[in-house]
Each structure stands twice: as structure tokens, then as C-alpha cells.
Amino acid sequence: MSSDAALSYREAYATLSRIAAELESGEADLDRVLPLLEEARVAYAGCRDRLEAVRAVLAGTWADEGSDDEADADEYDEDES
């Protein structure tokens, strides 16, 4: 896996799940642990970045847009009275 290629959230999460299962099984060869941990670090960073982006949208831009729509609806209702 190239670090240049961005994984989707679903792909990154699947990677983390696969690595966790391999490490928890106790069957991972010691020489394989370090590469697995590096792969997990990259996948975790991808998941974290996507979650932070969604949180930012929900806390900021998207929430602000919803309040503008409600204000516009209120103004429309007042105009009709």
C-alpha cells in the first residue's frame, strides 16, 4: 500500500480491523509486527482525519446553514400574514 494513495474511511477501518485480528490472534510473526503497526498508524490517521472533517462540518458550516434556512422560513411566514 502506498502512503500517497488515500484510503476511503471504509478501507482504512477494514485495514485496522484486519490488523487488530492478526495481532490479537498471536500468530503474527515478530518480523511482521512493525510493518503491521506502521500500516495501522496510516489507516488510523486516515480514519481520524475523516472523522474530524465530519465533526467540523456538523459543528460549523452545516449547523449555520440550517439556522439560515429556518430564519428564511420564519420571514416567509411573517410576509404571508
N, C-alpha and C. Protein backbone atom coordinates (compact mmCIF):
# COMPACT_ATOMS: atom_id res chain seq x y z
N MET A 1 0.84 -1.18 0.00
CA MET A 1 0.00 0.00 0.00
C MET A 1 0.88 1.23 0.00
N SER A 2 0.65 2.14 -0.90
CA SER A 2 1.41 3.38 -0.98
C SER A 2 0.81 4.42 -0.05
N SER A 3 1.65 5.17 0.66
CA SER A 3 1.14 6.21 1.54
C SER A 3 0.57 7.36 0.74
N ASP A 4 0.87 7.46 -0.55
CA ASP A 4 0.33 8.51 -1.41
C ASP A 4 -1.13 8.26 -1.74
N ALA A 5 -1.54 6.99 -1.77
CA ALA A 5 -2.91 6.67 -2.12
C ALA A 5 -3.78 6.78 -0.88
N ALA A 6 -4.77 7.66 -0.94
CA ALA A 6 -5.66 7.86 0.20
C ALA A 6 -6.71 6.75 0.23
N LEU A 7 -6.86 6.15 1.39
CA LEU A 7 -7.87 5.12 1.57
C LEU A 7 -9.19 5.79 1.92
N SER A 8 -10.29 5.16 1.52
CA SER A 8 -11.58 5.63 1.99
C SER A 8 -11.68 5.27 3.47
N TYR A 9 -12.64 5.87 4.15
CA TYR A 9 -12.84 5.55 5.56
C TYR A 9 -13.10 4.05 5.72
N ARG A 10 -13.95 3.51 4.87
CA ARG A 10 -14.30 2.09 4.95
C ARG A 10 -13.07 1.21 4.76
N GLU A 11 -12.22 1.55 3.79
CA GLU A 11 -11.00 0.76 3.55
C GLU A 11 -10.04 0.86 4.73
N ALA A 12 -9.89 2.08 5.28
CA ALA A 12 -8.99 2.27 6.41
C ALA A 12 -9.49 1.51 7.64
N TYR A 13 -10.80 1.56 7.87
CA TYR A 13 -11.37 0.84 9.01
C TYR A 13 -11.20 -0.67 8.85
N ALA A 14 -11.41 -1.16 7.64
CA ALA A 14 -11.21 -2.59 7.37
C ALA A 14 -9.76 -2.99 7.60
N THR A 15 -8.83 -2.12 7.21
CA THR A 15 -7.41 -2.38 7.44
C THR A 15 -7.13 -2.48 8.93
N LEU A 16 -7.66 -1.55 9.71
CA LEU A 16 -7.47 -1.59 11.16
C LEU A 16 -8.05 -2.87 11.77
N SER A 17 -9.22 -3.26 11.31
CA SER A 17 -9.85 -4.48 11.82
C SER A 17 -9.03 -5.72 11.50
N ARG A 18 -8.52 -5.77 10.28
CA ARG A 18 -7.70 -6.92 9.85
C ARG A 18 -6.43 -7.00 10.68
N ILE A 19 -5.78 -5.86 10.87
CA ILE A 19 -4.52 -5.84 11.63
C ILE A 19 -4.78 -6.21 13.09
N ALA A 20 -5.84 -5.67 13.68
CA ALA A 20 -6.17 -6.00 15.07
C ALA A 20 -6.40 -7.50 15.22
N ALA A 21 -7.14 -8.09 14.29
CA ALA A 21 -7.41 -9.53 14.36
C ALA A 21 -6.12 -10.33 14.25
N GLU A 22 -5.24 -9.91 13.36
CA GLU A 22 -3.97 -10.63 13.19
C GLU A 22 -3.11 -10.53 14.44
N LEU A 23 -3.03 -9.34 15.02
CA LEU A 23 -2.22 -9.16 16.22
C LEU A 23 -2.84 -9.88 17.43
N GLU A 24 -4.16 -9.84 17.55
CA GLU A 24 -4.83 -10.49 18.68
C GLU A 24 -4.74 -12.01 18.59
N SER A 25 -4.61 -12.54 17.39
CA SER A 25 -4.54 -13.99 17.23
C SER A 25 -3.25 -14.56 17.82
N GLY A 26 -2.25 -13.71 17.93
CA GLY A 26 -0.96 -14.18 18.43
C GLY A 26 -0.15 -14.92 17.39
N GLU A 27 -0.65 -14.99 16.17
CA GLU A 27 0.02 -15.72 15.10
C GLU A 27 0.95 -14.84 14.27
N ALA A 28 0.91 -13.52 14.49
CA ALA A 28 1.75 -12.62 13.70
C ALA A 28 3.22 -12.86 14.03
N ASP A 29 4.00 -13.09 13.01
CA ASP A 29 5.44 -13.25 13.16
C ASP A 29 6.03 -11.94 13.67
N LEU A 30 6.99 -12.02 14.56
CA LEU A 30 7.59 -10.82 15.15
C LEU A 30 8.13 -9.87 14.09
N ASP A 31 8.67 -10.41 13.01
CA ASP A 31 9.20 -9.56 11.94
C ASP A 31 8.08 -8.82 11.19
N ARG A 32 6.87 -9.30 11.34
CA ARG A 32 5.73 -8.67 10.66
C ARG A 32 5.06 -7.60 11.52
N VAL A 33 5.30 -7.58 12.81
CA VAL A 33 4.62 -6.67 13.72
C VAL A 33 4.90 -5.21 13.39
N LEU A 34 6.14 -4.85 13.20
CA LEU A 34 6.48 -3.45 12.92
C LEU A 34 5.82 -2.94 11.63
N PRO A 35 5.88 -3.68 10.52
CA PRO A 35 5.16 -3.23 9.32
C PRO A 35 3.64 -3.14 9.55
N LEU A 36 3.09 -4.07 10.33
CA LEU A 36 1.65 -4.01 10.62
C LEU A 36 1.31 -2.74 11.41
N LEU A 37 2.14 -2.43 12.38
CA LEU A 37 1.88 -1.23 13.18
C LEU A 37 2.00 0.04 12.35
N GLU A 38 2.92 0.09 11.43
CA GLU A 38 3.04 1.25 10.54
C GLU A 38 1.81 1.36 9.64
N GLU A 39 1.36 0.24 9.11
CA GLU A 39 0.16 0.23 8.27
C GLU A 39 -1.06 0.68 9.09
N ALA A 40 -1.14 0.23 10.34
CA ALA A 40 -2.24 0.62 11.22
C ALA A 40 -2.18 2.12 11.53
N ARG A 41 -0.97 2.65 11.71
CA ARG A 41 -0.83 4.08 12.00
C ARG A 41 -1.38 4.92 10.85
N VAL A 42 -1.06 4.53 9.63
CA VAL A 42 -1.53 5.25 8.45
C VAL A 42 -3.06 5.15 8.33
N ALA A 43 -3.60 3.95 8.53
CA ALA A 43 -5.05 3.75 8.44
C ALA A 43 -5.77 4.53 9.53
N TYR A 44 -5.22 4.52 10.74
CA TYR A 44 -5.83 5.25 11.85
C TYR A 44 -5.85 6.75 11.56
N ALA A 45 -4.75 7.27 11.03
CA ALA A 45 -4.69 8.69 10.70
C ALA A 45 -5.75 9.05 9.66
N GLY A 46 -5.95 8.18 8.69
CA GLY A 46 -6.98 8.43 7.68
C GLY A 46 -8.37 8.45 8.28
N CYS A 47 -8.68 7.50 9.16
CA CYS A 47 -9.98 7.48 9.83
C CYS A 47 -10.16 8.73 10.70
N ARG A 48 -9.14 9.07 11.46
CA ARG A 48 -9.22 10.23 12.35
C ARG A 48 -9.45 11.51 11.56
N ASP A 49 -8.73 11.68 10.46
CA ASP A 49 -8.88 12.89 9.65
C ASP A 49 -10.31 13.01 9.09
N ARG A 50 -10.86 11.90 8.64
CA ARG A 50 -12.22 11.94 8.09
C ARG A 50 -13.24 12.24 9.18
N LEU A 51 -13.07 11.64 10.35
CA LEU A 51 -13.98 11.91 11.47
C LEU A 51 -13.90 13.37 11.90
N GLU A 52 -12.70 13.92 11.96
CA GLU A 52 -12.54 15.33 12.33
C GLU A 52 -13.19 16.25 11.29
N ALA A 53 -13.08 15.90 10.02
CA ALA A 53 -13.71 16.70 8.96
C ALA A 53 -15.22 16.69 9.11
N VAL A 54 -15.79 15.54 9.40
CA VAL A 54 -17.24 15.45 9.58
C VAL A 54 -17.67 16.25 10.81
N ARG A 55 -16.93 16.13 11.89
CA ARG A 55 -17.25 16.90 13.11
C ARG A 55 -17.22 18.40 12.82
N ALA A 56 -16.23 18.84 12.07
CA ALA A 56 -16.12 20.27 11.74
C ALA A 56 -17.32 20.74 10.94
N VAL A 57 -17.75 19.93 9.99
CA VAL A 57 -18.90 20.31 9.18
C VAL A 57 -20.15 20.36 10.05
N LEU A 58 -20.35 19.35 10.87
CA LEU A 58 -21.54 19.31 11.71
C LEU A 58 -21.55 20.45 12.73
N ALA A 59 -20.39 20.82 13.25
CA ALA A 59 -20.31 21.86 14.27
C ALA A 59 -20.32 23.27 13.68
N GLY A 60 -19.98 23.38 12.42
CA GLY A 60 -19.84 24.71 11.85
C GLY A 60 -20.73 24.97 10.67
N THR A 61 -20.22 24.75 9.53
CA THR A 61 -20.87 25.13 8.28
C THR A 61 -22.28 24.58 8.17
N TRP A 62 -22.45 23.30 8.38
CA TRP A 62 -23.76 22.68 8.19
C TRP A 62 -24.77 23.21 9.20
N ALA A 63 -24.35 23.37 10.47
CA ALA A 63 -25.24 23.89 11.50
C ALA A 63 -25.65 25.32 11.17
N ASP A 64 -24.72 26.13 10.68
CA ASP A 64 -25.03 27.51 10.32
C ASP A 64 -26.02 27.56 9.17
N GLU A 65 -25.87 26.69 8.19
CA GLU A 65 -26.77 26.67 7.04
C GLU A 65 -28.18 26.32 7.48
N GLY A 66 -28.33 25.40 8.42
CA GLY A 66 -29.65 25.03 8.90
C GLY A 66 -30.35 26.18 9.59
N SER A 67 -29.63 26.98 10.38
CA SER A 67 -30.26 28.09 11.07
C SER A 67 -30.67 29.18 10.08
N ASP A 68 -29.93 29.37 9.00
CA ASP A 68 -30.31 30.34 7.97
C ASP A 68 -31.60 29.93 7.29
N ASP A 69 -31.76 28.65 7.02
CA ASP A 69 -32.97 28.15 6.37
C ASP A 69 -34.18 28.39 7.26
N GLU A 70 -34.03 28.17 8.58
CA GLU A 70 -35.13 28.39 9.49
C GLU A 70 -35.50 29.86 9.55
N ALA A 71 -34.50 30.75 9.56
CA ALA A 71 -34.76 32.18 9.59
C ALA A 71 -35.48 32.61 8.33
N ASP A 72 -35.08 32.09 7.18
CA ASP A 72 -35.74 32.41 5.93
C ASP A 72 -37.19 31.94 5.95
N ALA A 73 -37.44 30.77 6.53
CA ALA A 73 -38.80 30.24 6.61
C ALA A 73 -39.66 31.11 7.51
N ASP A 74 -39.08 31.58 8.64
CA ASP A 74 -39.81 32.45 9.53
C ASP A 74 -40.18 33.76 8.86
N GLU A 75 -39.24 34.34 8.10
CA GLU A 75 -39.50 35.58 7.38
C GLU A 75 -40.62 35.37 6.35
N TYR A 76 -40.62 34.23 5.69
CA TYR A 76 -41.63 33.93 4.68
C TYR A 76 -43.01 33.85 5.34
N ASP A 77 -43.08 33.18 6.50
CA ASP A 77 -44.34 33.04 7.20
C ASP A 77 -44.87 34.40 7.63
N GLU A 78 -44.00 35.31 8.10
CA GLU A 78 -44.42 36.63 8.52
C GLU A 78 -44.93 37.46 7.35
N ASP A 79 -44.34 37.29 6.17
CA ASP A 79 -44.75 38.03 4.98
C ASP A 79 -46.15 37.63 4.55
N GLU A 80 -46.54 36.38 4.79
CA GLU A 80 -47.84 35.90 4.34
C GLU A 80 -48.96 36.40 5.25
N SER A 81 -48.65 36.77 6.51
CA SER A 81 -49.69 37.19 7.46
C SER A 81 -50.29 38.52 7.12
